[in-house]
């Protein structure tokens, strides 16, 4: 299959030049196979947004060609976009049993609908349209993580998915390297590779090291211990169950995502939850603090997460106090450092001791391979060409350079929207681009870009709202009401409102009578004048709303 045949197109839809929102399309023989469909989480300057998924415009435009979606594993940056995609397309979803169980739970939470799920066992094979798909196991920080071999007519593509090799584990990475070598034995025209750890010099560590260190920390703490983890890290959950048993503590699950992942993992046999070990979060206040090990969601400083609410002293059942320990058993995702730092400060002010990877490297190990691990994976596969995926552009460039150093002459780093054509001569960029973008979700509805711009403006510059009744000539009849929020100090508000009223009356007096009697034109003229006036006066440009109401003394027109 590695030689001859028609061309294949690889379309980068998400995860190329960013952390998260992973999604790409493989197009061959008039059909499209989608690999992963994830989300990313908003930055602090995107208020009110819950998640962000890639634009599906390219796939929707070719809806009759989409054969299905294949998922590499269950992390949200790879699967949580599926419910949104299925609002647009009716296609089957392939994945391991655990991955599909996570998708089905999220699908129900988002309102349900029609989900056609097809199990692709780890190490199993499937066919969809002109595509032949085989999965193989790869170590990562979630259960049932897989790489994929996709055979399209005449081309063979290997996608690593997210991975590390386990070089510091008991077998020194031999199992993972063997799986890669076996997958590549028949020849690989293109290797698509996780690049998240391409700048890391130190190889990823192993879970047994984390379990041992967490045990030491728990045994050395008299108060309650809170351990924040990525909710999908079932191995870490299992480690904490072991620590709780060994230290004679009860385990508390706090946070909807932690509870959901624990229940799904238990339902498919990946996590043994000893009911005698668990204490409901509602009962935690009645237990001695030294008896509790709390597994909590909220590693990235999310304000409404369980740990975020604990840090703000707003959680209904959990409080930290002097003598308690909080462990962030996770990495800091780029862009979240400020929110995490703010959360840590709040916890420290309440008397807790806080430990994280920056102060104690043993409390977390990465699920992504280092430079050396990426190099070893490439040498095991021996691909003809290489495409860097999953990372910011600097990660992609570093990964492509590793491939070239490993002897792969054709190594590409592309951005979202770019299209790679894979022919007998190798991969090359097409001149055309696919439509791409980010869709911001608030609750279950999308947030249009103009709405987000308004939110940002309100948050940074405040709101100025002027309201008055207009007489038949368009002049104010009675008082002009001025409402200002986040614009000026409260003590200066009376003066400021008086100045605004005077400016409005001055502007109206200078307007052409026809403009003044046309509410839409009048509103825009006053709005523009107020923005300039406030900017000049106090060096601020608030979001300005002008509301002109009809005079209460003017009779409404009678119905015909």
Protein backbone atom coordinates (compact mmCIF):
# COMPACT_ATOMS: atom_id res chain seq x y z
CA UNK A 1 0.00 0.00 0.00
CA UNK A 2 2.91 2.39 0.48
CA UNK A 3 3.54 2.80 -3.25
CA UNK A 4 1.44 4.00 -6.16
CA UNK A 5 -2.18 5.11 -6.05
CA UNK A 6 -3.84 8.50 -6.01
CA UNK A 7 -2.96 11.57 -4.03
CA UNK A 8 -4.13 12.09 -0.45
CA UNK A 9 -4.82 15.47 1.14
CA UNK A 10 -4.16 16.21 4.82
CA UNK A 11 -6.17 19.21 6.04
CA UNK A 12 -5.14 20.82 9.33
CA UNK A 13 -8.33 21.95 11.10
CA UNK A 14 -7.09 22.36 14.68
CA UNK A 15 -4.09 21.71 16.89
CA UNK A 16 -1.53 22.97 14.39
CA UNK A 17 0.03 26.05 15.99
CA UNK A 18 -1.88 25.81 19.28
CA UNK A 19 -2.26 23.61 22.36
CA UNK A 20 -5.62 21.83 22.15
CA UNK A 21 -8.57 21.71 19.72
CA UNK A 22 -6.91 18.84 17.82
CA UNK A 23 -8.61 17.91 14.55
CA UNK A 24 -7.43 16.96 11.08
CA UNK A 25 -8.99 15.51 7.95
CA UNK A 26 -7.57 12.90 5.57
CA UNK A 27 -9.11 13.12 2.11
CA UNK A 28 -8.78 10.34 -0.47
CA UNK A 29 -10.87 8.81 -3.26
CA UNK A 30 -13.58 11.41 -2.80
CA UNK A 31 -14.09 10.66 0.92
CA UNK A 32 -12.94 12.31 4.15
CA UNK A 33 -11.83 10.66 7.40
CA UNK A 34 -11.56 12.94 10.45
CA UNK A 35 -8.96 12.14 13.12
CA UNK A 36 -9.92 13.55 16.55
CA UNK A 37 -12.28 16.42 17.27
CA UNK A 38 -11.32 18.29 20.42
CA UNK A 39 -11.75 21.57 22.24
CA UNK A 40 -9.54 24.06 23.97
CA UNK A 41 -10.40 26.10 27.02
CA UNK A 42 -10.73 29.89 27.05
CA UNK A 43 -8.12 32.36 28.17
CA UNK A 44 -8.93 34.90 30.91
CA UNK A 45 -9.67 37.54 28.25
CA UNK A 46 -12.56 35.47 26.85
CA UNK A 47 -15.19 36.04 29.56
CA UNK A 48 -18.19 33.76 29.78
CA UNK A 49 -16.78 31.18 27.36
CA UNK A 50 -16.83 27.55 28.47
CA UNK A 51 -14.99 25.81 25.61
CA UNK A 52 -13.77 26.52 22.10
CA UNK A 53 -14.03 24.06 19.22
CA UNK A 54 -12.62 24.29 15.70
CA UNK A 55 -14.76 25.63 12.91
CA UNK A 56 -16.38 22.80 10.95
CA UNK A 57 -17.00 24.91 7.87
CA UNK A 58 -14.69 22.80 5.70
CA UNK A 59 -16.35 19.54 6.76
CA UNK A 60 -19.89 20.89 6.48
CA UNK A 61 -19.18 22.13 2.95
CA UNK A 62 -18.13 18.55 2.07
CA UNK A 63 -20.70 16.80 4.28
CA UNK A 64 -21.54 14.09 1.73
CA UNK A 65 -17.89 13.05 1.62
CA UNK A 66 -17.27 12.67 5.38
CA UNK A 67 -16.99 8.93 6.10
CA UNK A 68 -16.56 9.18 9.88
CA UNK A 69 -14.42 10.28 12.83
CA UNK A 70 -11.69 8.19 14.48
CA UNK A 71 -10.57 9.16 17.99
CA UNK A 72 -7.09 8.43 19.32
CA UNK A 73 -8.00 8.78 23.03
CA UNK A 74 -10.42 10.39 25.47
CA UNK A 75 -8.77 13.67 26.46
CA UNK A 76 -11.07 16.63 25.92
CA UNK A 77 -8.67 18.33 23.51
CA UNK A 78 -9.25 15.30 21.25
CA UNK A 79 -12.90 14.29 21.78
CA UNK A 80 -14.99 17.04 23.41
CA UNK A 81 -15.76 18.71 20.08
CA UNK A 82 -17.66 15.62 18.85
CA UNK A 83 -21.10 16.69 20.18
CA UNK A 84 -20.78 20.00 18.35
CA UNK A 85 -19.68 18.30 15.12
CA UNK A 86 -22.65 15.94 15.29
CA UNK A 87 -24.99 18.92 15.33
CA UNK A 88 -23.74 19.57 11.80
CA UNK A 89 -23.02 16.07 10.45
CA UNK A 90 -24.50 12.61 10.88
CA UNK A 91 -21.41 10.38 10.80
CA UNK A 92 -20.13 7.38 12.79
CA UNK A 93 -17.58 7.83 15.57
CA UNK A 94 -14.83 5.25 16.07
CA UNK A 95 -12.80 4.83 19.25
CA UNK A 96 -11.87 2.50 22.09
CA UNK A 97 -14.56 1.43 24.57
CA UNK A 98 -13.36 3.88 27.23
CA UNK A 99 -13.00 6.75 24.77
CA UNK A 100 -16.51 6.20 23.42
CA UNK A 101 -17.93 5.96 26.94
CA UNK A 102 -16.50 9.42 27.67
CA UNK A 103 -17.92 10.78 24.43
CA UNK A 104 -21.34 9.28 25.11
CA UNK A 105 -21.46 10.86 28.57
CA UNK A 106 -20.51 14.28 27.21
CA UNK A 107 -23.00 13.80 24.37
CA UNK A 108 -25.85 13.22 26.83
CA UNK A 109 -24.80 16.26 28.90
CA UNK A 110 -24.93 18.44 25.80
CA UNK A 111 -28.51 17.53 24.98
CA UNK A 112 -28.17 14.19 23.23
CA UNK A 113 -29.30 13.44 19.72
CA UNK A 114 -28.09 10.73 17.39
CA UNK A 115 -24.72 9.18 18.15
CA UNK A 116 -23.49 6.25 16.08
CA UNK A 117 -20.50 4.88 17.99
CA UNK A 118 -18.38 1.99 16.76
CA UNK A 119 -15.80 0.37 19.00
CA UNK A 120 -12.27 0.19 17.60
CA UNK A 121 -10.47 -1.94 20.21
CA UNK A 122 -6.92 -1.05 21.13
CA UNK A 123 -4.90 -3.05 18.61
CA UNK A 124 -7.97 -3.61 16.44
CA UNK A 125 -8.82 -2.80 12.82
CA UNK A 126 -11.75 -1.24 11.00
CA UNK A 127 -12.75 0.00 7.56
CA UNK A 128 -14.70 3.12 6.69
CA UNK A 129 -15.23 4.07 3.06
CA UNK A 130 -11.93 3.78 1.18
CA UNK A 131 -9.97 3.90 4.46
CA UNK A 132 -8.48 1.01 6.38
CA UNK A 133 -7.69 1.84 10.02
CA UNK A 134 -5.61 0.00 12.60
CA UNK A 135 -4.98 1.19 16.14
CA UNK A 136 -2.00 0.32 18.32
CA UNK A 137 -1.38 1.09 22.02
CA UNK A 138 0.80 4.05 23.02
CA UNK A 139 1.70 5.18 26.55
CA UNK A 140 0.09 8.48 27.63
CA UNK A 141 -1.66 9.96 30.67
CA UNK A 142 -5.01 8.33 29.90
CA UNK A 143 -6.20 4.77 29.51
CA UNK A 144 -6.69 3.16 26.08
CA UNK A 145 -4.56 5.73 24.28
CA UNK A 146 -3.76 4.74 20.71
CA UNK A 147 -1.78 5.57 17.65
CA UNK A 148 -3.35 4.97 14.26
CA UNK A 149 -2.30 3.56 10.91
CA UNK A 150 -4.59 4.83 8.17
CA UNK A 151 -4.35 3.28 4.73
CA UNK A 152 -5.92 5.24 1.90
CA UNK A 153 -5.72 4.12 -1.73
CA UNK A 154 -2.00 4.05 -2.43
CA UNK A 155 -0.82 5.83 0.73
CA UNK A 156 -0.03 4.75 4.26
CA UNK A 157 -0.18 7.29 7.11
CA UNK A 158 0.85 6.75 10.73
CA UNK A 159 -0.53 9.09 13.40
CA UNK A 160 1.15 8.74 16.79
CA UNK A 161 -1.65 10.44 18.73
CA UNK A 162 -0.42 11.88 22.02
CA UNK A 163 2.36 9.73 23.43
CA UNK A 164 5.43 9.17 25.51
CA UNK A 165 7.63 6.08 25.27
CA UNK A 166 8.16 5.13 28.89
CA UNK A 167 11.94 5.30 28.57
CA UNK A 168 12.22 5.64 32.35
CA UNK A 169 9.82 2.76 33.00
CA UNK A 170 10.53 -0.86 33.77
CA UNK A 171 11.03 -1.92 30.14
CA UNK A 172 12.84 1.23 29.02
CA UNK A 173 10.28 1.99 26.33
CA UNK A 174 10.80 -1.27 24.45
CA UNK A 175 7.07 -2.06 24.25
CA UNK A 176 6.12 1.32 22.79
CA UNK A 177 9.05 1.35 20.37
CA UNK A 178 8.16 -2.18 19.30
CA UNK A 179 4.58 -1.13 18.58
CA UNK A 180 5.83 1.80 16.49
CA UNK A 181 8.32 -0.36 14.60
CA UNK A 182 5.65 -2.94 13.87
CA UNK A 183 3.23 -0.25 12.67
CA UNK A 184 5.91 1.15 10.41
CA UNK A 185 7.24 -2.18 9.10
CA UNK A 186 5.12 -2.13 5.94
CA UNK A 187 6.36 1.36 5.08
CA UNK A 188 4.95 4.75 6.07
CA UNK A 189 4.47 7.51 3.53
CA UNK A 190 3.75 10.12 6.20
CA UNK A 191 4.19 10.13 9.97
CA UNK A 192 2.01 12.65 11.82
CA UNK A 193 3.57 13.18 15.25
CA UNK A 194 2.63 14.68 18.62
CA UNK A 195 5.01 17.63 19.13
CA UNK A 196 3.95 18.92 22.56
CA UNK A 197 7.19 17.86 24.24
CA UNK A 198 9.53 18.77 21.39
CA UNK A 199 11.36 21.38 23.47
CA UNK A 200 11.71 19.20 26.58
CA UNK A 201 15.21 17.90 27.28
CA UNK A 202 14.18 15.55 30.09
CA UNK A 203 12.32 12.34 29.25
CA UNK A 204 8.80 11.94 30.62
CA UNK A 205 8.66 10.11 33.94
CA UNK A 206 6.42 7.26 35.11
CA UNK A 207 3.36 7.03 37.34
CA UNK A 208 4.95 4.85 40.01
CA UNK A 209 7.32 7.74 40.84
CA UNK A 210 4.35 10.08 41.32
CA UNK A 211 2.48 7.57 43.47
CA UNK A 212 5.49 7.16 45.75
CA UNK A 213 5.99 10.93 46.13
CA UNK A 214 2.30 11.59 46.78
CA UNK A 215 2.40 8.88 49.47
CA UNK A 216 5.31 10.62 51.17
CA UNK A 217 3.51 13.97 51.14
CA UNK A 218 0.27 12.53 52.50
CA UNK A 219 2.04 10.66 55.31
CA UNK A 220 3.82 13.88 56.30
CA UNK A 221 0.62 15.94 56.57
CA UNK A 222 -1.57 16.16 59.69
CA UNK A 223 -4.49 17.97 58.09
CA UNK A 224 -6.57 17.27 55.02
CA UNK A 225 -4.81 16.68 51.71
CA UNK A 226 -6.25 18.01 48.45
CA UNK A 227 -4.76 16.66 45.22
CA UNK A 228 -5.77 18.37 41.98
CA UNK A 229 -5.41 16.27 38.84
CA UNK A 230 -6.50 16.29 35.23
CA UNK A 231 -9.84 14.52 35.57
CA UNK A 232 -9.12 12.12 32.71
CA UNK A 233 -5.94 10.80 34.34
CA UNK A 234 -7.37 7.49 35.54
CA UNK A 235 -3.92 6.14 36.35
CA UNK A 236 -3.42 9.02 38.78
CA UNK A 237 -6.83 8.29 40.28
CA UNK A 238 -5.77 4.69 40.81
CA UNK A 239 -2.52 5.87 42.40
CA UNK A 240 -4.44 8.09 44.81
CA UNK A 241 -6.72 5.21 45.74
CA UNK A 242 -3.58 3.23 46.61
CA UNK A 243 -2.18 6.16 48.62
CA UNK A 244 -5.43 6.59 50.54
CA UNK A 245 -5.50 2.91 51.50
CA UNK A 246 -1.83 2.87 52.48
CA UNK A 247 -2.20 6.01 54.61
CA UNK A 248 -5.51 5.05 56.21
CA UNK A 249 -7.44 7.94 54.69
CA UNK A 250 -10.85 8.20 53.10
CA UNK A 251 -11.07 9.36 49.49
CA UNK A 252 -13.36 12.25 48.52
CA UNK A 253 -14.14 13.02 44.87
CA UNK A 254 -14.79 16.74 44.39
CA UNK A 255 -15.78 18.29 41.08
CA UNK A 256 -18.18 17.19 38.38
CA UNK A 257 -15.47 16.23 35.88
CA UNK A 258 -13.57 14.12 38.44
CA UNK A 259 -16.75 12.28 39.41
CA UNK A 260 -17.74 11.76 35.77
CA UNK A 261 -14.37 10.34 34.72
CA UNK A 262 -14.21 8.10 37.78
CA UNK A 263 -17.67 6.69 37.07
CA UNK A 264 -16.94 6.09 33.38
CA UNK A 265 -13.58 4.44 34.13
CA UNK A 266 -15.20 2.21 36.74
CA UNK A 267 -18.01 1.27 34.34
CA UNK A 268 -15.55 -0.11 31.77
CA UNK A 269 -13.33 -1.83 34.35
CA UNK A 270 -10.40 0.60 34.26
CA UNK A 271 -10.73 1.82 37.84
CA UNK A 272 -11.58 -0.20 40.91
CA UNK A 273 -13.51 2.09 43.26
CA UNK A 274 -13.68 0.56 46.74
CA UNK A 275 -16.93 1.91 48.14
CA UNK A 276 -15.57 1.50 51.64
CA UNK A 277 -12.80 3.92 50.73
CA UNK A 278 -15.06 6.66 49.38
CA UNK A 279 -16.73 9.41 51.39
CA UNK A 280 -19.34 11.62 49.69
CA UNK A 281 -18.24 15.23 49.49
CA UNK A 282 -21.32 16.24 51.53
CA UNK A 283 -20.00 14.21 54.48
CA UNK A 284 -16.48 15.63 54.37
CA UNK A 285 -17.14 18.45 56.90
CA UNK A 286 -18.15 15.88 59.54
CA UNK A 287 -14.87 13.95 59.24
CA UNK A 288 -11.57 14.80 60.96
CA UNK A 289 -9.35 16.65 58.42
CA UNK A 290 -6.48 14.21 58.95
CA UNK A 291 -8.72 11.43 57.72
CA UNK A 292 -9.37 12.93 54.27
CA UNK A 293 -7.64 12.72 50.89
CA UNK A 294 -9.63 14.89 48.48
CA UNK A 295 -9.23 14.28 44.76
CA UNK A 296 -10.29 17.59 43.26
CA UNK A 297 -10.83 19.15 39.81
CA UNK A 298 -9.41 22.55 38.89
CA UNK A 299 -5.72 22.27 38.04
CA UNK A 300 -5.69 25.35 35.77
CA UNK A 301 -7.14 27.92 38.15
CA UNK A 302 -10.64 27.81 36.69
CA UNK A 303 -12.76 30.00 38.96
CA UNK A 304 -15.86 27.77 38.91
CA UNK A 305 -13.96 24.50 39.32
CA UNK A 306 -14.04 22.71 42.65
CA UNK A 307 -10.54 23.84 43.62
CA UNK A 308 -11.22 27.36 42.35
CA UNK A 309 -14.25 27.60 44.63
CA UNK A 310 -12.27 26.15 47.56
CA UNK A 311 -9.56 28.76 47.01
CA UNK A 312 -12.21 31.51 47.00
CA UNK A 313 -13.80 30.05 50.16
CA UNK A 314 -17.03 29.53 48.20
CA UNK A 315 -17.30 25.72 48.13
CA UNK A 316 -20.41 24.40 49.87
CA UNK A 317 -18.67 21.54 51.68
CA UNK A 318 -14.89 21.97 51.57
CA UNK A 319 -12.58 24.49 53.28
CA UNK A 320 -8.80 24.56 53.57
CA UNK A 321 -7.17 25.52 56.84
CA UNK A 322 -3.85 25.73 58.63
CA UNK A 323 -2.11 22.35 58.42
CA UNK A 324 -3.81 21.27 55.18
CA UNK A 325 -1.86 20.40 52.02
CA UNK A 326 -2.85 21.18 48.45
CA UNK A 327 -0.96 19.38 45.67
CA UNK A 328 -1.30 20.43 42.03
CA UNK A 329 -0.47 17.08 40.44
CA UNK A 330 -0.52 18.49 36.92
CA UNK A 331 1.30 20.75 34.52
CA UNK A 332 0.56 24.42 33.95
CA UNK A 333 -0.94 24.70 30.46
CA UNK A 334 0.58 27.73 28.65
CA UNK A 335 -1.66 30.76 29.05
CA UNK A 336 -3.07 29.66 32.42
CA UNK A 337 -0.11 30.65 34.59
CA UNK A 338 -1.70 33.86 35.93
CA UNK A 339 -4.98 32.16 36.92
CA UNK A 340 -3.09 29.31 38.62
CA UNK A 341 -0.85 31.74 40.49
CA UNK A 342 -3.89 33.68 41.71
CA UNK A 343 -5.48 30.46 42.95
CA UNK A 344 -2.29 29.38 44.75
CA UNK A 345 -2.08 32.76 46.52
CA UNK A 346 -5.66 32.40 47.76
CA UNK A 347 -4.94 28.94 49.14
CA UNK A 348 -1.79 30.14 50.87
CA UNK A 349 -3.65 33.04 52.50
CA UNK A 350 -6.02 30.51 54.06
CA UNK A 351 -3.08 28.73 55.68
CA UNK A 352 -2.65 25.77 53.35
CA UNK A 353 0.68 24.50 52.15
CA UNK A 354 0.75 24.30 48.33
CA UNK A 355 3.02 21.98 46.33
CA UNK A 356 3.24 21.89 42.54
CA UNK A 357 5.58 20.63 39.85
CA UNK A 358 7.64 23.83 40.03
CA UNK A 359 8.45 23.24 43.69
CA UNK A 360 8.44 19.43 43.69
CA UNK A 361 9.06 17.70 40.36
CA UNK A 362 7.88 14.36 41.75
CA UNK A 363 4.19 15.28 41.97
CA UNK A 364 3.54 15.05 38.23
CA UNK A 365 4.97 13.46 35.10
CA UNK A 366 4.13 14.51 31.59
CA UNK A 367 2.16 12.37 29.17
CA UNK A 368 4.12 13.76 26.23
CA UNK A 369 7.47 12.59 24.99
CA UNK A 370 10.63 14.68 25.09
CA UNK A 371 12.94 15.55 22.20
CA UNK A 372 14.76 12.25 22.67
CA UNK A 373 11.49 10.31 22.73
CA UNK A 374 10.24 11.94 19.54
CA UNK A 375 13.58 11.16 17.90
CA UNK A 376 13.38 7.51 19.02
CA UNK A 377 9.80 7.22 17.73
CA UNK A 378 10.79 8.58 14.31
CA UNK A 379 13.73 6.19 14.05
CA UNK A 380 11.48 3.26 14.99
CA UNK A 381 8.91 4.13 12.29
CA UNK A 382 11.39 5.23 9.58
CA UNK A 383 8.81 7.27 7.64
CA UNK A 384 9.37 8.72 4.17
CA UNK A 385 7.97 12.07 5.34
CA UNK A 386 6.99 13.77 8.58
CA UNK A 387 4.27 16.21 9.65
CA UNK A 388 4.47 17.87 13.07
CA UNK A 389 1.14 18.16 14.96
CA UNK A 390 -0.22 19.12 18.40
CA UNK A 391 1.61 22.19 19.63
CA UNK A 392 2.32 25.86 19.19
CA UNK A 393 4.25 26.76 16.07
CA UNK A 394 7.54 26.72 17.95
CA UNK A 395 6.79 23.13 19.06
CA UNK A 396 6.00 22.16 15.47
CA UNK A 397 9.22 23.69 14.16
CA UNK A 398 11.25 21.94 16.87
CA UNK A 399 9.58 18.62 16.07
CA UNK A 400 10.20 18.98 12.32
CA UNK A 401 13.86 19.72 13.03
CA UNK A 402 14.10 16.54 15.15
CA UNK A 403 12.74 14.59 12.17
CA UNK A 404 15.28 16.10 9.79
CA UNK A 405 18.07 15.27 12.25
CA UNK A 406 16.74 11.69 12.33
CA UNK A 407 17.18 11.44 8.56
CA UNK A 408 13.71 12.40 7.29
CA UNK A 409 14.39 14.92 4.55
CA UNK A 410 10.75 15.95 4.04
CA UNK A 411 9.59 17.28 7.40
CA UNK A 412 6.82 19.87 7.54
CA UNK A 413 5.38 22.24 10.12
CA UNK A 414 2.06 23.71 8.96
CA UNK A 415 -0.61 26.00 10.37
CA UNK A 416 -4.34 25.46 10.74
CA UNK A 417 -6.00 25.78 7.36
CA UNK A 418 -3.01 24.64 5.35
CA UNK A 419 -3.41 21.58 3.13
CA UNK A 420 -0.70 18.98 2.54
CA UNK A 421 -0.96 16.96 -0.65
CA UNK A 422 0.69 13.56 -0.30
CA UNK A 423 1.70 12.15 -3.70
CA UNK A 424 4.20 9.60 -4.96
CA UNK A 425 6.83 12.37 -4.84
CA UNK A 426 6.09 13.05 -1.17
CA UNK A 427 4.21 15.78 0.71
CA UNK A 428 3.85 19.35 -0.51
CA UNK A 429 1.74 22.31 0.52
CA UNK A 430 -1.17 23.22 -1.72
CA UNK A 431 -1.74 26.83 -2.58
CA UNK A 432 -5.36 26.68 -1.44
CA UNK A 433 -6.37 26.91 2.21
CA UNK A 434 -9.30 25.39 4.06
CA UNK A 435 -11.56 27.68 6.09
CA UNK A 436 -10.65 27.40 9.77
CA UNK A 437 -11.41 29.29 12.95
CA UNK A 438 -12.49 29.05 16.55
CA UNK A 439 -16.10 28.67 17.70
CA UNK A 440 -16.63 29.99 21.22
CA UNK A 441 -19.27 28.19 23.28
CA UNK A 442 -21.15 29.73 26.22
CA UNK A 443 -23.31 27.03 27.79
CA UNK A 444 -24.41 25.16 24.70
CA UNK A 445 -24.66 28.15 22.35
CA UNK A 446 -22.00 29.76 20.20
CA UNK A 447 -20.71 33.24 21.01
CA UNK A 448 -20.33 35.34 17.82
CA UNK A 449 -17.12 37.33 17.50
CA UNK A 450 -18.95 40.71 17.73
CA UNK A 451 -20.48 39.59 21.04
CA UNK A 452 -17.06 38.59 22.37
CA UNK A 453 -15.61 41.94 21.31
CA UNK A 454 -18.39 43.66 23.26
CA UNK A 455 -17.67 41.50 26.34
CA UNK A 456 -13.98 42.38 26.20
CA UNK A 457 -14.78 46.07 25.80
CA UNK A 458 -17.17 46.00 28.75
CA UNK A 459 -14.59 44.22 30.87
CA UNK A 460 -11.73 46.55 30.01
CA UNK A 461 -13.40 49.95 29.59
CA UNK A 462 -16.79 49.82 31.29
CA UNK A 463 -20.28 50.88 30.21
CA UNK A 464 -21.86 54.28 29.68
CA UNK A 465 -25.61 54.33 29.05
CA UNK A 466 -27.57 57.52 28.34
CA UNK A 467 -31.38 57.42 28.22
CA UNK A 468 -33.94 60.13 27.57
CA UNK A 469 -37.42 60.79 26.24
CA UNK A 470 -37.46 62.77 23.01
CA UNK A 471 -40.11 65.30 22.05
CA UNK A 472 -41.39 65.54 18.45
CA UNK A 473 -38.36 67.67 17.54
CA UNK A 474 -35.94 65.05 18.89
CA UNK A 475 -34.89 67.12 21.89
CA UNK A 476 -34.82 65.72 25.45
CA UNK A 477 -38.08 66.04 27.29
CA UNK A 478 -37.28 66.00 30.96
CA UNK A 479 -34.13 64.61 32.55
CA UNK A 480 -31.40 62.65 30.78
CA UNK A 481 -30.53 59.53 32.79
CA UNK A 482 -26.85 58.60 32.80
CA UNK A 483 -25.68 55.15 33.98
CA UNK A 484 -21.93 54.51 34.23
CA UNK A 485 -20.38 51.19 35.31
CA UNK A 486 -16.64 50.67 35.51
CA UNK A 487 -15.92 54.07 33.92
CA UNK A 488 -15.13 56.44 36.77
CA UNK A 489 -14.85 56.40 40.56
CA UNK A 490 -18.16 56.56 42.44
CA UNK A 491 -17.30 59.87 44.13
CA UNK A 492 -16.78 61.52 40.72
CA UNK A 493 -19.95 60.11 39.21
CA UNK A 494 -22.27 63.11 39.90
CA UNK A 495 -19.82 65.49 38.21
CA UNK A 496 -19.26 63.06 35.34
CA UNK A 497 -23.00 62.53 34.76
CA UNK A 498 -23.55 66.30 34.71
CA UNK A 499 -20.83 66.75 32.09
CA UNK A 500 -22.27 63.94 29.95
CA UNK A 501 -25.76 65.46 30.09
CA UNK A 502 -24.40 68.83 29.03
CA UNK A 503 -22.50 67.25 26.16
CA UNK A 504 -25.61 65.40 24.94
CA UNK A 505 -27.70 68.57 24.94
CA UNK A 506 -24.93 70.41 23.09
CA UNK A 507 -24.65 67.72 20.42
CA UNK A 508 -28.43 67.58 19.93
CA UNK A 509 -28.60 71.33 19.61
CA UNK A 510 -26.04 71.27 16.79
CA UNK A 511 -27.62 68.42 14.82
CA UNK A 512 -29.67 69.00 11.73
CA UNK A 513 -33.37 68.75 12.76
CA UNK A 514 -33.98 65.90 10.30
CA UNK A 515 -31.12 63.90 11.80
CA UNK A 516 -32.35 64.68 15.30
CA UNK A 517 -35.86 63.44 14.46
CA UNK A 518 -34.46 60.17 13.03
CA UNK A 519 -33.73 58.03 16.14
CA UNK A 520 -31.17 55.72 14.49
CA UNK A 521 -29.10 58.61 13.07
CA UNK A 522 -29.44 60.61 16.26
CA UNK A 523 -28.31 57.70 18.45
CA UNK A 524 -25.20 57.10 16.36
CA UNK A 525 -24.25 60.79 16.30
CA UNK A 526 -24.56 61.11 20.07
CA UNK A 527 -22.81 57.79 20.67
CA UNK A 528 -19.78 58.81 18.58
CA UNK A 529 -19.62 62.24 20.22
CA UNK A 530 -19.77 60.73 23.72
CA UNK A 531 -16.97 58.27 23.00
CA UNK A 532 -14.71 61.11 21.82
CA UNK A 533 -15.75 63.32 24.72
CA UNK A 534 -15.05 60.71 27.41
CA UNK A 535 -11.78 59.62 25.79
CA UNK A 536 -10.55 63.22 25.72
CA UNK A 537 -11.74 63.95 29.26
CA UNK A 538 -10.64 60.84 31.20
CA UNK A 539 -8.64 58.85 28.62
CA UNK A 540 -11.10 55.98 28.49
CA UNK A 541 -13.33 54.65 25.73
CA UNK A 542 -16.26 52.86 27.40
CA UNK A 543 -18.88 50.84 25.59
CA UNK A 544 -21.55 53.50 24.94
CA UNK A 545 -25.27 52.81 24.61
CA UNK A 546 -27.73 55.55 23.70
CA UNK A 547 -31.44 54.87 24.20
CA UNK A 548 -33.98 57.37 22.88
CA UNK A 549 -37.56 56.79 24.01
CA UNK A 550 -40.67 58.45 22.61
CA UNK A 551 -42.16 61.17 24.76
CA UNK A 552 -44.75 59.82 27.20
CA UNK A 553 -46.85 62.87 26.26
CA UNK A 554 -46.86 61.91 22.57
CA UNK A 555 -49.93 59.78 21.76
CA UNK A 556 -49.21 56.44 20.13
CA UNK A 557 -50.52 56.06 16.58
CA UNK A 558 -53.91 54.40 16.49
CA UNK A 559 -54.23 50.96 14.94
CA UNK A 560 -55.47 50.93 11.33
